[in-house]
Amino acid sequence: MIDLKNRARRLRRQETDAERELWSRLRSRRVGGAKFRRQHTIGRYVVDFCCPERRLVVEVDGGQHLVKEEYDLQRTAFLLRQGYRMLRFWDNDVLLNAGVVMEEIARAVEDPHPNPLPRRERAKNLCEPKVR
């Protein structure tokens, strides 16, 4: 778990231009009052941006994701099982069409989760042992 936290810290220090741009727009509850975290750990994964209260993950993908397709599929499946919704954007979309990206994120923040976990299930998922 400590290695994962250190990895998240390192990723925060080494953010891409697209991540920096998106973070400047998401931070300080600027989108629908939702609190986002950057490089947030969920289970054994680190996600780019997460709003735990709305169960929303936002990923900014660069070219490396074209060769990590299987890993991304497994990761997405895990996050969906944990009750998160996923939004994915390419780096170029964030840098060139930030307004459109922000509109889509704002819609997701304002819309309720289509399949929220019952309160009991949510608590169980949060208490699951961490996979190392």
N, C-alpha and C. Protein backbone atom coordinates (compact mmCIF):
# COMPACT_ATOMS: atom_id res chain seq x y z
N MET A 1 0.83 -1.20 0.00
CA MET A 1 0.00 0.00 0.00
C MET A 1 0.87 1.25 0.00
N ILE A 2 1.97 1.21 0.75
CA ILE A 2 2.85 2.37 0.79
C ILE A 2 3.42 2.65 -0.59
N ASP A 3 3.81 1.59 -1.32
CA ASP A 3 4.34 1.79 -2.67
C ASP A 3 3.32 2.47 -3.56
N LEU A 4 2.05 2.12 -3.40
CA LEU A 4 1.00 2.72 -4.21
C LEU A 4 0.84 4.21 -3.88
N LYS A 5 0.91 4.54 -2.59
CA LYS A 5 0.82 5.95 -2.20
C LYS A 5 2.01 6.73 -2.74
N ASN A 6 3.19 6.15 -2.67
CA ASN A 6 4.37 6.82 -3.21
C ASN A 6 4.25 7.01 -4.72
N ARG A 7 3.70 5.99 -5.38
CA ARG A 7 3.49 6.09 -6.83
C ARG A 7 2.52 7.23 -7.16
N ALA A 8 1.44 7.33 -6.37
CA ALA A 8 0.47 8.41 -6.59
C ALA A 8 1.13 9.78 -6.38
N ARG A 9 1.95 9.90 -5.35
CA ARG A 9 2.66 11.17 -5.11
C ARG A 9 3.58 11.51 -6.27
N ARG A 10 4.30 10.50 -6.76
CA ARG A 10 5.21 10.71 -7.88
C ARG A 10 4.44 11.16 -9.13
N LEU A 11 3.30 10.53 -9.38
CA LEU A 11 2.48 10.89 -10.54
C LEU A 11 1.96 12.33 -10.42
N ARG A 12 1.65 12.77 -9.20
CA ARG A 12 1.21 14.15 -9.01
C ARG A 12 2.32 15.13 -9.38
N ARG A 13 3.55 14.78 -9.03
CA ARG A 13 4.68 15.67 -9.34
C ARG A 13 5.03 15.65 -10.82
N GLN A 14 4.70 14.55 -11.52
CA GLN A 14 5.07 14.39 -12.93
C GLN A 14 3.85 14.48 -13.85
N GLU A 15 2.91 15.33 -13.51
CA GLU A 15 1.69 15.41 -14.30
C GLU A 15 1.96 15.91 -15.73
N THR A 16 1.11 15.46 -16.63
CA THR A 16 1.22 15.88 -18.03
C THR A 16 0.57 17.26 -18.18
N ASP A 17 0.79 17.88 -19.32
CA ASP A 17 0.15 19.17 -19.60
C ASP A 17 -1.37 19.05 -19.54
N ALA A 18 -1.90 17.96 -20.10
CA ALA A 18 -3.35 17.76 -20.11
C ALA A 18 -3.88 17.57 -18.68
N GLU A 19 -3.17 16.81 -17.87
CA GLU A 19 -3.59 16.62 -16.47
C GLU A 19 -3.55 17.95 -15.71
N ARG A 20 -2.51 18.74 -15.93
CA ARG A 20 -2.39 20.05 -15.28
C ARG A 20 -3.56 20.95 -15.68
N GLU A 21 -3.89 20.96 -16.97
CA GLU A 21 -5.01 21.77 -17.46
C GLU A 21 -6.33 21.34 -16.83
N LEU A 22 -6.57 20.04 -16.83
CA LEU A 22 -7.83 19.55 -16.28
C LEU A 22 -7.90 19.79 -14.78
N TRP A 23 -6.82 19.59 -14.07
CA TRP A 23 -6.81 19.81 -12.62
C TRP A 23 -7.11 21.28 -12.30
N SER A 24 -6.59 22.19 -13.10
CA SER A 24 -6.86 23.61 -12.84
C SER A 24 -8.35 23.92 -12.94
N ARG A 25 -9.08 23.12 -13.70
CA ARG A 25 -10.52 23.32 -13.86
C ARG A 25 -11.36 22.51 -12.89
N LEU A 26 -10.81 21.42 -12.34
CA LEU A 26 -11.58 20.55 -11.44
C LEU A 26 -11.39 20.90 -9.96
N ARG A 27 -10.25 21.46 -9.63
CA ARG A 27 -9.91 21.67 -8.22
C ARG A 27 -10.82 22.69 -7.55
N SER A 28 -10.81 22.66 -6.24
CA SER A 28 -11.55 23.63 -5.42
C SER A 28 -13.06 23.62 -5.68
N ARG A 29 -13.60 22.43 -5.95
CA ARG A 29 -15.06 22.27 -6.13
C ARG A 29 -15.63 23.18 -7.22
N ARG A 30 -14.89 23.35 -8.30
CA ARG A 30 -15.31 24.25 -9.38
C ARG A 30 -16.37 23.66 -10.30
N VAL A 31 -16.59 22.37 -10.22
CA VAL A 31 -17.57 21.72 -11.09
C VAL A 31 -18.71 21.18 -10.23
N GLY A 32 -19.80 21.89 -10.23
CA GLY A 32 -20.98 21.45 -9.50
C GLY A 32 -20.77 21.22 -8.02
N GLY A 33 -19.77 21.87 -7.43
CA GLY A 33 -19.50 21.71 -6.00
C GLY A 33 -18.87 20.38 -5.64
N ALA A 34 -18.49 19.59 -6.65
CA ALA A 34 -17.93 18.26 -6.40
C ALA A 34 -16.44 18.36 -6.07
N LYS A 35 -16.02 17.60 -5.07
CA LYS A 35 -14.62 17.56 -4.67
C LYS A 35 -13.91 16.46 -5.44
N PHE A 36 -12.95 16.85 -6.25
CA PHE A 36 -12.13 15.90 -7.00
C PHE A 36 -10.78 15.75 -6.33
N ARG A 37 -10.23 14.57 -6.45
CA ARG A 37 -8.86 14.29 -6.00
C ARG A 37 -8.07 13.88 -7.23
N ARG A 38 -6.79 14.23 -7.25
CA ARG A 38 -5.97 13.81 -8.39
C ARG A 38 -5.03 12.70 -7.95
N GLN A 39 -4.75 11.80 -8.89
CA GLN A 39 -3.90 10.63 -8.64
C GLN A 39 -4.36 9.94 -7.35
N HIS A 40 -5.59 9.53 -7.37
CA HIS A 40 -6.26 8.93 -6.21
C HIS A 40 -6.20 7.40 -6.32
N THR A 41 -5.91 6.73 -5.20
CA THR A 41 -5.85 5.27 -5.22
C THR A 41 -7.22 4.66 -4.94
N ILE A 42 -7.54 3.65 -5.74
CA ILE A 42 -8.75 2.85 -5.54
C ILE A 42 -8.29 1.40 -5.70
N GLY A 43 -8.35 0.66 -4.61
CA GLY A 43 -7.84 -0.71 -4.65
C GLY A 43 -6.36 -0.68 -4.98
N ARG A 44 -5.97 -1.41 -6.00
CA ARG A 44 -4.55 -1.46 -6.38
C ARG A 44 -4.22 -0.53 -7.55
N TYR A 45 -5.16 0.36 -7.87
CA TYR A 45 -4.98 1.25 -9.02
C TYR A 45 -4.90 2.71 -8.58
N VAL A 46 -4.23 3.50 -9.40
CA VAL A 46 -4.19 4.95 -9.23
C VAL A 46 -4.94 5.55 -10.41
N VAL A 47 -5.97 6.34 -10.12
CA VAL A 47 -6.74 6.97 -11.19
C VAL A 47 -6.35 8.44 -11.28
N ASP A 48 -6.49 9.02 -12.47
CA ASP A 48 -6.08 10.41 -12.67
C ASP A 48 -6.87 11.37 -11.78
N PHE A 49 -8.19 11.32 -11.87
CA PHE A 49 -9.05 12.19 -11.08
C PHE A 49 -10.24 11.39 -10.58
N CYS A 50 -10.63 11.66 -9.34
CA CYS A 50 -11.74 10.91 -8.75
C CYS A 50 -12.57 11.83 -7.87
N CYS A 51 -13.87 11.68 -7.99
CA CYS A 51 -14.81 12.33 -7.09
C CYS A 51 -15.52 11.20 -6.34
N PRO A 52 -14.98 10.81 -5.17
CA PRO A 52 -15.56 9.67 -4.45
C PRO A 52 -17.04 9.85 -4.09
N GLU A 53 -17.44 11.06 -3.72
CA GLU A 53 -18.84 11.26 -3.31
C GLU A 53 -19.82 11.07 -4.46
N ARG A 54 -19.39 11.28 -5.69
CA ARG A 54 -20.25 11.08 -6.86
C ARG A 54 -19.90 9.78 -7.59
N ARG A 55 -18.91 9.04 -7.05
CA ARG A 55 -18.47 7.77 -7.63
C ARG A 55 -18.10 7.95 -9.11
N LEU A 56 -17.28 8.96 -9.37
CA LEU A 56 -16.90 9.30 -10.74
C LEU A 56 -15.38 9.34 -10.87
N VAL A 57 -14.87 8.66 -11.89
CA VAL A 57 -13.45 8.67 -12.21
C VAL A 57 -13.28 9.30 -13.58
N VAL A 58 -12.30 10.21 -13.69
CA VAL A 58 -11.98 10.85 -14.96
C VAL A 58 -10.54 10.49 -15.30
N GLU A 59 -10.35 9.90 -16.46
CA GLU A 59 -9.02 9.49 -16.92
C GLU A 59 -8.62 10.32 -18.13
N VAL A 60 -7.35 10.72 -18.14
CA VAL A 60 -6.78 11.44 -19.27
C VAL A 60 -5.74 10.52 -19.89
N ASP A 61 -6.02 10.06 -21.09
CA ASP A 61 -5.18 9.04 -21.72
C ASP A 61 -4.27 9.64 -22.78
N GLY A 62 -3.01 9.22 -22.72
CA GLY A 62 -2.05 9.57 -23.76
C GLY A 62 -1.86 8.37 -24.67
N GLY A 63 -0.90 8.45 -25.54
CA GLY A 63 -0.64 7.38 -26.51
C GLY A 63 -0.28 6.05 -25.89
N GLN A 64 0.26 6.06 -24.66
CA GLN A 64 0.66 4.80 -24.02
C GLN A 64 -0.52 3.87 -23.79
N HIS A 65 -1.72 4.42 -23.75
CA HIS A 65 -2.90 3.59 -23.51
C HIS A 65 -3.27 2.74 -24.72
N LEU A 66 -2.74 3.07 -25.87
CA LEU A 66 -2.99 2.24 -27.05
C LEU A 66 -2.33 0.88 -26.92
N VAL A 67 -1.21 0.81 -26.21
CA VAL A 67 -0.50 -0.47 -26.05
C VAL A 67 -0.84 -1.15 -24.73
N LYS A 68 -1.58 -0.48 -23.85
CA LYS A 68 -1.96 -1.05 -22.56
C LYS A 68 -3.45 -1.39 -22.52
N GLU A 69 -3.99 -1.78 -23.65
CA GLU A 69 -5.43 -1.97 -23.76
C GLU A 69 -5.97 -3.03 -22.79
N GLU A 70 -5.30 -4.18 -22.69
CA GLU A 70 -5.77 -5.25 -21.79
C GLU A 70 -5.75 -4.79 -20.33
N TYR A 71 -4.69 -4.12 -19.94
CA TYR A 71 -4.57 -3.60 -18.58
C TYR A 71 -5.70 -2.61 -18.30
N ASP A 72 -5.95 -1.71 -19.24
CA ASP A 72 -7.01 -0.72 -19.07
C ASP A 72 -8.39 -1.38 -18.95
N LEU A 73 -8.61 -2.44 -19.71
CA LEU A 73 -9.89 -3.16 -19.62
C LEU A 73 -10.08 -3.78 -18.25
N GLN A 74 -9.04 -4.40 -17.71
CA GLN A 74 -9.11 -5.01 -16.38
C GLN A 74 -9.33 -3.94 -15.32
N ARG A 75 -8.62 -2.86 -15.45
CA ARG A 75 -8.72 -1.75 -14.50
C ARG A 75 -10.12 -1.15 -14.52
N THR A 76 -10.65 -0.92 -15.71
CA THR A 76 -12.00 -0.37 -15.85
C THR A 76 -13.02 -1.32 -15.26
N ALA A 77 -12.89 -2.60 -15.53
CA ALA A 77 -13.83 -3.59 -14.98
C ALA A 77 -13.81 -3.57 -13.46
N PHE A 78 -12.63 -3.48 -12.87
CA PHE A 78 -12.52 -3.41 -11.41
C PHE A 78 -13.23 -2.17 -10.87
N LEU A 79 -12.97 -1.02 -11.48
CA LEU A 79 -13.58 0.23 -11.01
C LEU A 79 -15.09 0.21 -11.15
N LEU A 80 -15.59 -0.37 -12.23
CA LEU A 80 -17.03 -0.49 -12.41
C LEU A 80 -17.64 -1.39 -11.34
N ARG A 81 -16.94 -2.49 -11.02
CA ARG A 81 -17.43 -3.38 -9.95
C ARG A 81 -17.46 -2.66 -8.61
N GLN A 82 -16.60 -1.68 -8.41
CA GLN A 82 -16.57 -0.91 -7.17
C GLN A 82 -17.64 0.18 -7.14
N GLY A 83 -18.39 0.29 -8.24
CA GLY A 83 -19.49 1.25 -8.29
C GLY A 83 -19.12 2.61 -8.87
N TYR A 84 -17.97 2.71 -9.53
CA TYR A 84 -17.57 3.98 -10.14
C TYR A 84 -18.04 4.08 -11.58
N ARG A 85 -18.32 5.28 -12.02
CA ARG A 85 -18.54 5.58 -13.43
C ARG A 85 -17.21 6.09 -13.97
N MET A 86 -16.97 5.84 -15.25
CA MET A 86 -15.69 6.24 -15.86
C MET A 86 -15.92 7.19 -17.02
N LEU A 87 -15.13 8.24 -17.06
CA LEU A 87 -15.05 9.11 -18.22
C LEU A 87 -13.61 9.09 -18.68
N ARG A 88 -13.39 8.89 -19.98
CA ARG A 88 -12.03 8.87 -20.54
C ARG A 88 -11.92 9.92 -21.64
N PHE A 89 -10.82 10.65 -21.60
CA PHE A 89 -10.55 11.66 -22.62
C PHE A 89 -9.10 11.51 -23.08
N TRP A 90 -8.87 11.77 -24.35
CA TRP A 90 -7.51 11.80 -24.88
C TRP A 90 -6.86 13.12 -24.46
N ASP A 91 -5.54 13.09 -24.28
CA ASP A 91 -4.78 14.30 -23.95
C ASP A 91 -5.14 15.45 -24.87
N ASN A 92 -5.14 15.18 -26.18
CA ASN A 92 -5.42 16.23 -27.16
C ASN A 92 -6.78 16.86 -26.97
N ASP A 93 -7.78 16.05 -26.61
CA ASP A 93 -9.11 16.60 -26.39
C ASP A 93 -9.11 17.57 -25.21
N VAL A 94 -8.40 17.22 -24.16
CA VAL A 94 -8.34 18.11 -22.99
C VAL A 94 -7.64 19.41 -23.37
N LEU A 95 -6.56 19.31 -24.12
CA LEU A 95 -5.78 20.51 -24.46
C LEU A 95 -6.45 21.37 -25.53
N LEU A 96 -7.14 20.75 -26.49
CA LEU A 96 -7.71 21.50 -27.60
C LEU A 96 -9.19 21.80 -27.46
N ASN A 97 -9.90 20.99 -26.67
CA ASN A 97 -11.35 21.15 -26.52
C ASN A 97 -11.75 21.09 -25.05
N ALA A 98 -11.05 21.83 -24.21
CA ALA A 98 -11.29 21.76 -22.77
C ALA A 98 -12.73 22.09 -22.39
N GLY A 99 -13.33 23.04 -23.09
CA GLY A 99 -14.71 23.41 -22.79
C GLY A 99 -15.67 22.26 -22.97
N VAL A 100 -15.51 21.51 -24.05
CA VAL A 100 -16.37 20.36 -24.33
C VAL A 100 -16.14 19.27 -23.27
N VAL A 101 -14.89 19.04 -22.93
CA VAL A 101 -14.55 18.04 -21.90
C VAL A 101 -15.21 18.43 -20.58
N MET A 102 -15.11 19.70 -20.21
CA MET A 102 -15.68 20.15 -18.95
C MET A 102 -17.20 20.05 -18.94
N GLU A 103 -17.83 20.29 -20.07
CA GLU A 103 -19.29 20.13 -20.16
C GLU A 103 -19.69 18.69 -19.88
N GLU A 104 -18.94 17.75 -20.44
CA GLU A 104 -19.26 16.33 -20.23
C GLU A 104 -19.04 15.93 -18.77
N ILE A 105 -17.98 16.43 -18.17
CA ILE A 105 -17.72 16.14 -16.75
C ILE A 105 -18.82 16.76 -15.89
N ALA A 106 -19.21 17.99 -16.19
CA ALA A 106 -20.26 18.65 -15.42
C ALA A 106 -21.58 17.87 -15.51
N ARG A 107 -21.90 17.36 -16.70
CA ARG A 107 -23.12 16.54 -16.85
C ARG A 107 -23.05 15.30 -15.97
N ALA A 108 -21.89 14.65 -15.95
CA ALA A 108 -21.75 13.44 -15.15
C ALA A 108 -21.82 13.75 -13.66
N VAL A 109 -21.29 14.89 -13.25
CA VAL A 109 -21.34 15.29 -11.84
C VAL A 109 -22.78 15.56 -11.41
N GLU A 110 -23.54 16.19 -12.28
CA GLU A 110 -24.90 16.58 -11.93
C GLU A 110 -25.89 15.42 -12.03
N ASP A 111 -25.63 14.47 -12.92
CA ASP A 111 -26.53 13.32 -13.06
C ASP A 111 -26.27 12.32 -11.95
N PRO A 112 -27.33 11.78 -11.38
CA PRO A 112 -27.11 10.76 -10.36
C PRO A 112 -26.54 9.49 -11.00
N HIS A 113 -25.87 8.72 -10.21
CA HIS A 113 -25.29 7.46 -10.69
C HIS A 113 -26.43 6.57 -11.17
N PRO A 114 -26.31 5.97 -12.36
CA PRO A 114 -27.41 5.15 -12.89
C PRO A 114 -27.64 3.87 -12.10
N ASN A 115 -26.62 3.32 -11.47
CA ASN A 115 -26.75 2.09 -10.69
C ASN A 115 -26.02 2.23 -9.36
N PRO A 116 -26.51 3.09 -8.47
CA PRO A 116 -25.78 3.26 -7.22
C PRO A 116 -25.82 1.98 -6.40
N LEU A 117 -24.72 1.74 -5.71
CA LEU A 117 -24.69 0.59 -4.81
C LEU A 117 -25.55 0.90 -3.59
N PRO A 118 -26.28 -0.09 -3.09
CA PRO A 118 -27.00 0.15 -1.84
C PRO A 118 -26.00 0.52 -0.75
N ARG A 119 -26.42 1.29 0.22
CA ARG A 119 -25.53 1.77 1.28
C ARG A 119 -24.72 0.63 1.90
N ARG A 120 -25.35 -0.49 2.16
CA ARG A 120 -24.69 -1.64 2.77
C ARG A 120 -23.57 -2.16 1.86
N GLU A 121 -23.82 -2.26 0.55
CA GLU A 121 -22.82 -2.72 -0.40
C GLU A 121 -21.67 -1.73 -0.51
N ARG A 122 -22.00 -0.43 -0.48
CA ARG A 122 -20.97 0.59 -0.56
C ARG A 122 -20.00 0.45 0.60
N ALA A 123 -20.53 0.27 1.80
CA ALA A 123 -19.68 0.11 2.98
C ALA A 123 -18.83 -1.15 2.87
N LYS A 124 -19.41 -2.24 2.37
CA LYS A 124 -18.67 -3.49 2.21
C LYS A 124 -17.51 -3.31 1.23
N ASN A 125 -17.76 -2.64 0.10
CA ASN A 125 -16.71 -2.42 -0.91
C ASN A 125 -15.59 -1.56 -0.36
N LEU A 126 -15.92 -0.58 0.46
CA LEU A 126 -14.89 0.29 1.02
C LEU A 126 -14.03 -0.45 2.04
N CYS A 127 -14.58 -1.51 2.63
CA CYS A 127 -13.85 -2.26 3.65
C CYS A 127 -13.11 -3.47 3.10
N GLU A 128 -13.21 -3.71 1.80
CA GLU A 128 -12.53 -4.87 1.24
C GLU A 128 -11.03 -4.76 1.44
N PRO A 129 -10.35 -5.89 1.66
CA PRO A 129 -8.90 -5.82 1.83
C PRO A 129 -8.25 -5.32 0.55
N LYS A 130 -7.19 -4.58 0.72
CA LYS A 130 -6.46 -4.03 -0.43
C LYS A 130 -5.62 -5.13 -1.07
N VAL A 131 -5.67 -5.24 -2.39
CA VAL A 131 -4.89 -6.22 -3.14
C VAL A 131 -3.53 -5.61 -3.40
N ARG A 132 -2.49 -6.39 -3.14
CA ARG A 132 -1.12 -5.87 -3.36
C ARG A 132 -0.47 -6.50 -4.53
